Protein backbone atom coordinates (compact mmCIF):
# COMPACT_ATOMS: atom_id res chain seq x y z
CA MET A 1 170.33 364.80 128.21
CA ASN A 2 166.67 363.98 128.67
CA THR A 3 165.56 360.33 128.90
CA LYS A 4 161.98 359.08 129.10
CA PRO A 5 160.73 355.45 129.27
CA PHE A 6 158.26 354.06 126.77
CA THR A 7 157.07 350.45 126.52
CA SER A 8 157.09 349.60 122.80
CA GLY A 9 156.50 345.89 122.72
CA LEU A 10 159.80 345.48 120.85
CA SER A 11 161.20 343.55 123.79
CA GLU A 12 160.56 343.04 127.48
CA ASN A 13 162.51 346.21 128.20
CA ALA A 14 161.24 349.75 127.90
CA VAL A 15 162.24 351.91 124.94
CA MET A 16 164.04 354.98 126.23
CA ILE A 17 163.72 358.28 124.36
CA THR A 18 166.96 360.17 124.94
CA ARG A 19 167.90 363.66 123.84
CA VAL A 20 171.54 362.98 123.06
CA ALA A 21 172.38 366.48 121.81
CA ASP A 22 170.78 369.88 121.42
CA ARG A 23 168.78 368.78 118.36
CA GLN A 24 169.17 365.01 118.32
CA TRP A 25 167.10 362.26 119.92
CA HIS A 26 167.60 358.48 120.09
CA ALA A 27 165.12 355.72 120.86
CA LEU A 28 166.91 352.91 122.68
CA ASP A 29 165.63 349.37 123.17
CA ASP A 30 167.98 347.45 125.47
CA ASP A 31 170.91 349.67 124.36
CA LEU A 32 170.00 349.18 120.69
CA VAL A 33 169.21 352.36 118.74
CA VAL A 34 165.82 351.68 117.12
CA GLY A 35 165.02 355.24 116.09
CA ARG A 36 166.57 358.66 115.61
CA GLY A 37 165.18 362.17 115.51
CA HIS A 38 166.91 365.31 114.27
CA ALA A 39 166.06 369.02 114.05
CA GLU A 40 167.83 371.79 112.15
CA HIS A 41 167.21 375.35 111.08
CA ARG A 42 167.09 375.98 107.33
CA PRO A 43 168.70 379.16 105.92
CA ASP A 44 165.39 381.03 106.14
CA GLY A 45 165.19 380.37 109.89
CA ARG A 46 162.47 377.70 109.80
CA LEU A 47 162.96 374.62 111.97
CA PHE A 48 162.75 371.28 110.12
CA ILE A 49 162.66 367.90 111.84
CA SER A 50 163.14 364.33 110.67
CA ILE A 51 162.62 360.90 112.23
CA ASP A 52 164.01 357.52 111.20
CA ALA A 53 162.42 354.68 113.17
CA TRP A 54 161.92 350.93 112.74
CA HIS A 55 158.34 350.84 114.03
CA ASP A 56 155.32 353.16 114.04
CA ALA A 57 155.20 353.11 117.84
CA THR A 58 158.81 354.27 118.06
CA PHE A 59 158.18 356.97 115.46
CA ASP A 60 155.17 358.23 117.43
CA ARG A 61 157.10 358.29 120.68
CA LEU A 62 160.03 360.16 119.16
CA ALA A 63 157.64 362.65 117.57
CA GLU A 64 155.88 363.16 120.92
CA ALA A 65 159.17 363.84 122.70
CA MET A 66 160.48 366.20 120.02
CA LEU A 67 157.25 368.18 119.69
CA ALA A 68 157.14 368.66 123.44
CA GLU A 69 160.59 370.23 123.48
CA LEU A 70 160.80 372.19 120.23
CA PRO A 71 159.13 375.53 119.44
CA ALA A 72 156.36 375.74 116.85
CA PRO A 73 155.97 376.02 113.96
CA LEU A 74 157.83 372.88 112.89
CA TYR A 75 158.31 371.62 109.33
CA THR A 76 159.31 368.40 107.61
CA VAL A 77 159.67 367.15 104.02
CA VAL A 78 158.65 363.69 102.83
CA ASP A 79 158.47 361.79 99.56
CA GLU A 80 154.75 361.66 98.81
CA ALA A 81 155.15 358.02 97.73
CA ASP A 82 156.24 357.13 101.27
CA VAL A 83 152.72 356.59 102.56
CA GLU A 84 153.77 355.21 105.95
CA LEU A 85 156.07 358.12 106.75
CA THR A 86 153.46 360.66 105.65
CA ALA A 87 150.89 358.91 107.85
CA GLY A 88 153.26 359.09 110.80
CA TRP A 89 153.64 362.85 110.49
CA ARG A 90 149.87 363.24 110.10
CA ARG A 91 149.38 361.30 113.36
CA ALA A 92 151.71 363.84 114.94
CA GLY A 93 149.46 366.69 113.81
CA PHE A 94 151.28 367.83 110.67
CA THR A 95 149.37 369.06 107.62
CA ILE A 96 150.39 369.61 103.98
CA ARG A 97 151.77 373.08 103.33
CA ARG A 98 153.05 372.61 99.78
CA ARG A 99 153.63 369.99 97.10
CA GLU A 100 156.67 370.07 94.84
CA TRP A 101 157.14 367.99 91.68
CA GLU A 102 160.56 366.64 90.77
CA TYR A 103 161.25 366.53 87.03
CA ALA A 104 163.83 364.64 85.00
CA VAL A 105 164.90 367.02 82.23
CA PRO A 106 166.62 365.71 79.07
CA THR A 107 169.71 367.63 77.96
CA ASP A 108 170.04 366.59 74.30
CA PRO A 109 169.01 369.60 72.15
CA ARG A 110 167.54 367.21 69.58
CA VAL A 111 165.19 365.93 72.27
CA THR A 112 164.42 369.22 74.01
CA GLY A 113 163.84 371.13 70.77
CA LEU A 114 166.15 373.88 72.05
CA GLU A 115 168.88 373.40 69.44
CA ALA A 116 168.04 376.60 67.55
CA VAL A 117 166.98 378.73 70.53
CA VAL A 118 168.83 382.03 70.87
CA PRO A 119 168.29 384.90 73.31
CA PRO A 120 166.24 387.92 72.20
CA SER A 121 167.87 390.88 70.53
CA GLY A 122 170.20 392.82 72.81
CA VAL A 123 170.55 389.94 75.29
CA THR A 124 173.55 387.64 75.63
CA ILE A 125 174.06 384.56 77.77
CA VAL A 126 177.08 384.72 80.07
CA PRO A 127 178.24 381.19 80.98
CA ALA A 128 178.59 379.98 84.55
CA GLY A 129 181.77 381.21 86.18
CA GLN A 130 182.03 384.28 83.98
CA ALA A 131 179.33 386.54 85.44
CA ASP A 132 180.19 389.87 87.04
CA GLU A 133 179.60 389.20 90.72
CA THR A 134 178.21 392.66 91.50
CA LEU A 135 175.65 392.49 88.69
CA LEU A 136 174.82 388.89 89.60
CA ARG A 137 174.02 389.82 93.17
CA ALA A 138 171.97 392.78 91.96
CA VAL A 139 169.73 390.68 89.69
CA ASP A 140 169.38 387.99 92.36
CA ARG A 141 168.23 390.57 94.91
CA ALA A 142 165.87 392.27 92.44
CA ILE A 143 164.21 388.96 91.51
CA ARG A 144 163.90 387.90 95.13
CA ASP A 145 162.26 391.20 96.02
CA GLU A 146 159.82 390.86 93.09
CA VAL A 147 158.85 387.31 94.05
CA GLU A 148 158.46 388.17 97.73
CA ALA A 149 156.19 391.10 96.80
CA THR A 150 153.90 388.83 94.76
CA VAL A 151 153.58 385.07 95.35
CA GLY A 152 156.23 384.97 98.08
CA TRP A 153 159.21 382.69 98.39
CA GLN A 154 157.02 379.86 99.71
CA SER A 155 156.25 379.23 96.02
CA MET A 156 159.91 378.63 95.22
CA PRO A 157 161.69 375.29 95.60
CA ALA A 158 162.88 374.70 99.14
CA GLU A 159 166.44 374.81 97.86
CA VAL A 160 166.21 378.51 96.98
CA ILE A 161 164.23 379.88 99.90
CA SER A 162 165.13 383.36 101.01
CA ARG A 163 167.72 383.93 103.73
CA PRO A 164 166.69 386.44 106.39
CA GLU A 165 170.15 387.99 106.55
CA GLY A 166 173.37 387.97 104.59
CA ASP A 167 174.37 386.53 101.26
CA THR A 168 171.92 384.77 98.93
CA ILE A 169 174.55 383.88 96.32
CA VAL A 170 176.40 380.96 97.89
CA ASP A 171 178.64 380.12 94.92
CA PRO A 172 178.71 382.64 92.02
CA SER A 173 180.43 380.10 89.75
CA LYS A 174 177.20 378.05 89.54
CA TYR A 175 175.19 380.82 87.81
CA ALA A 176 174.79 381.60 84.13
CA VAL A 177 173.03 384.89 83.38
CA ALA A 178 171.14 386.72 80.66
CA ALA A 179 172.84 390.07 80.18
CA ALA A 180 171.79 393.40 78.73
CA PRO A 181 174.50 396.03 78.15
CA ASP A 182 173.98 397.66 81.57
CA ARG A 183 172.52 394.93 83.81
CA TYR A 184 171.54 391.30 84.13
CA LEU A 185 167.96 390.29 83.30
CA GLY A 186 167.80 386.70 84.49
CA LEU A 187 169.79 383.82 85.88
CA ILE A 188 169.97 380.04 86.11
CA ARG A 189 171.82 378.06 88.75
CA VAL A 190 173.00 374.53 88.00
CA VAL A 191 174.94 372.33 90.39
CA PRO A 192 176.62 369.69 88.17
CA VAL A 193 177.27 366.95 90.71
CA ASN A 194 176.46 363.24 90.26
CA ARG A 195 172.93 364.24 89.33
CA PRO A 196 172.92 367.79 87.88
CA ARG A 197 170.25 369.90 89.51
CA ILE A 198 168.68 373.11 88.26
CA GLY A 199 168.15 374.94 91.53
CA LEU A 200 166.86 378.26 90.21
CA LEU A 201 165.69 379.72 86.91
CA ALA A 202 164.28 383.24 87.12
CA VAL A 203 163.88 386.42 85.07
CA ARG A 204 163.12 389.97 86.16
CA ALA A 205 159.37 390.66 86.08
CA GLY A 206 159.62 393.37 83.43
CA GLU A 207 161.64 391.14 81.10
CA GLN A 208 159.47 388.04 81.14
CA ARG A 209 157.70 386.56 78.10
CA ARG A 210 160.62 387.52 75.83
CA GLY A 211 162.15 384.05 75.64
CA ILE A 212 164.92 384.78 78.15
CA ALA A 213 164.11 381.87 80.45
CA ARG A 214 163.97 379.50 77.49
CA ALA A 215 167.34 380.78 76.25
CA LEU A 216 168.90 380.33 79.70
CA LEU A 217 167.51 376.80 79.89
CA ALA A 218 168.77 375.99 76.39
CA HIS A 219 172.25 377.18 77.36
CA ALA A 220 172.33 375.26 80.66
CA LEU A 221 171.02 372.00 79.22
CA GLY A 222 173.31 372.25 76.19
CA THR A 223 176.31 372.74 78.49
CA LEU A 224 175.35 369.70 80.54
CA HIS A 225 174.85 367.63 77.39
CA SER A 226 178.31 368.60 76.14
CA SER A 227 179.70 367.51 79.51
CA GLY A 228 178.20 364.04 79.13
CA PHE A 229 175.06 364.37 81.25
CA ALA A 230 171.94 362.85 79.68
CA ALA A 231 169.51 364.43 82.13
CA ALA A 232 169.17 367.09 84.80
CA TRP A 233 166.72 367.38 87.68
CA THR A 234 164.63 370.20 89.01
CA GLU A 235 161.74 370.86 91.40
CA VAL A 236 158.65 372.91 90.64
CA HIS A 237 155.92 374.00 93.04
CA GLU A 238 152.61 372.53 91.91
CA SER A 239 151.05 376.00 91.58
CA ASN A 240 153.80 377.32 89.27
CA ARG A 241 152.11 376.50 85.98
CA ALA A 242 154.48 378.63 83.91
CA ALA A 243 157.52 376.71 85.15
CA SER A 244 155.77 373.37 84.69
CA ALA A 245 154.84 374.32 81.13
CA LEU A 246 158.40 375.43 80.35
CA PHE A 247 159.98 372.19 81.53
CA GLU A 248 157.29 369.89 80.16
CA GLY A 249 157.62 371.71 76.85
CA VAL A 250 161.23 370.51 76.54
CA GLY A 251 160.35 366.91 77.36
CA ALA A 252 160.79 366.93 81.13
CA ARG A 253 158.92 364.17 82.96
CA PRO A 254 157.57 364.35 86.52
CA MET A 255 159.25 361.53 88.45
CA SER A 256 158.07 362.06 92.02
CA SER A 257 156.56 364.61 94.37
CA ASN A 258 157.63 365.88 97.76
CA LEU A 259 155.38 367.23 100.48
CA GLU A 260 156.35 369.96 102.89
CA LEU A 261 154.37 369.47 106.09
CA VAL A 262 153.88 371.90 108.95
CA ARG A 263 152.68 371.73 112.53
């Protein structure tokens, strides 16, 4: 435990910044918790931090304490509309690394225009939960290697960043795939929770521009629509114009943007 005094002006007492666990900090004002800080490693090994504080001064003091004790580089993610929070991280020396748009995607085929979409000749769509796990892992690894060799996984949504070791398919039942007779050509991952989220839509480099991604999207959205979901959500890196065009072409609307910041 590491405690440091800081006079905040919140009361006559000093605010104490306390490291209450390995990656957790509290700001205490007369035994009242007025701010919290947290750090955690993402699957790709990067260290992300977050701060929840009542006042700017408390935020700044928590940031100062955490930055002094954690190794660089450090990352955080904020809603771009949260101007005050973004300003706090900028005061702490963070800069914008990437911007990601969040889209609301309609599922009704009559709205998306995907009602008549079928996969190209020789390709079939295998529904989620029915994919061969060995072939699924093979296409996932092939696509990841192709992306890493070109734009890099920093261009992908934070949710699908590459893991340095081990398994990249967390739950095979969440993936539908585009299948050729001898291998899989593309995949889409949908997590149908309270707010269905399309976490990944990708096609092998040599099979792109054949309509496979559009067919996968048509299948996934149609399945969600049949299950009673009116919309799905997805994130797209601002530089990924092809993905933006695909989703906007089916009526998806950008609802917000997130910033990944780095120090």
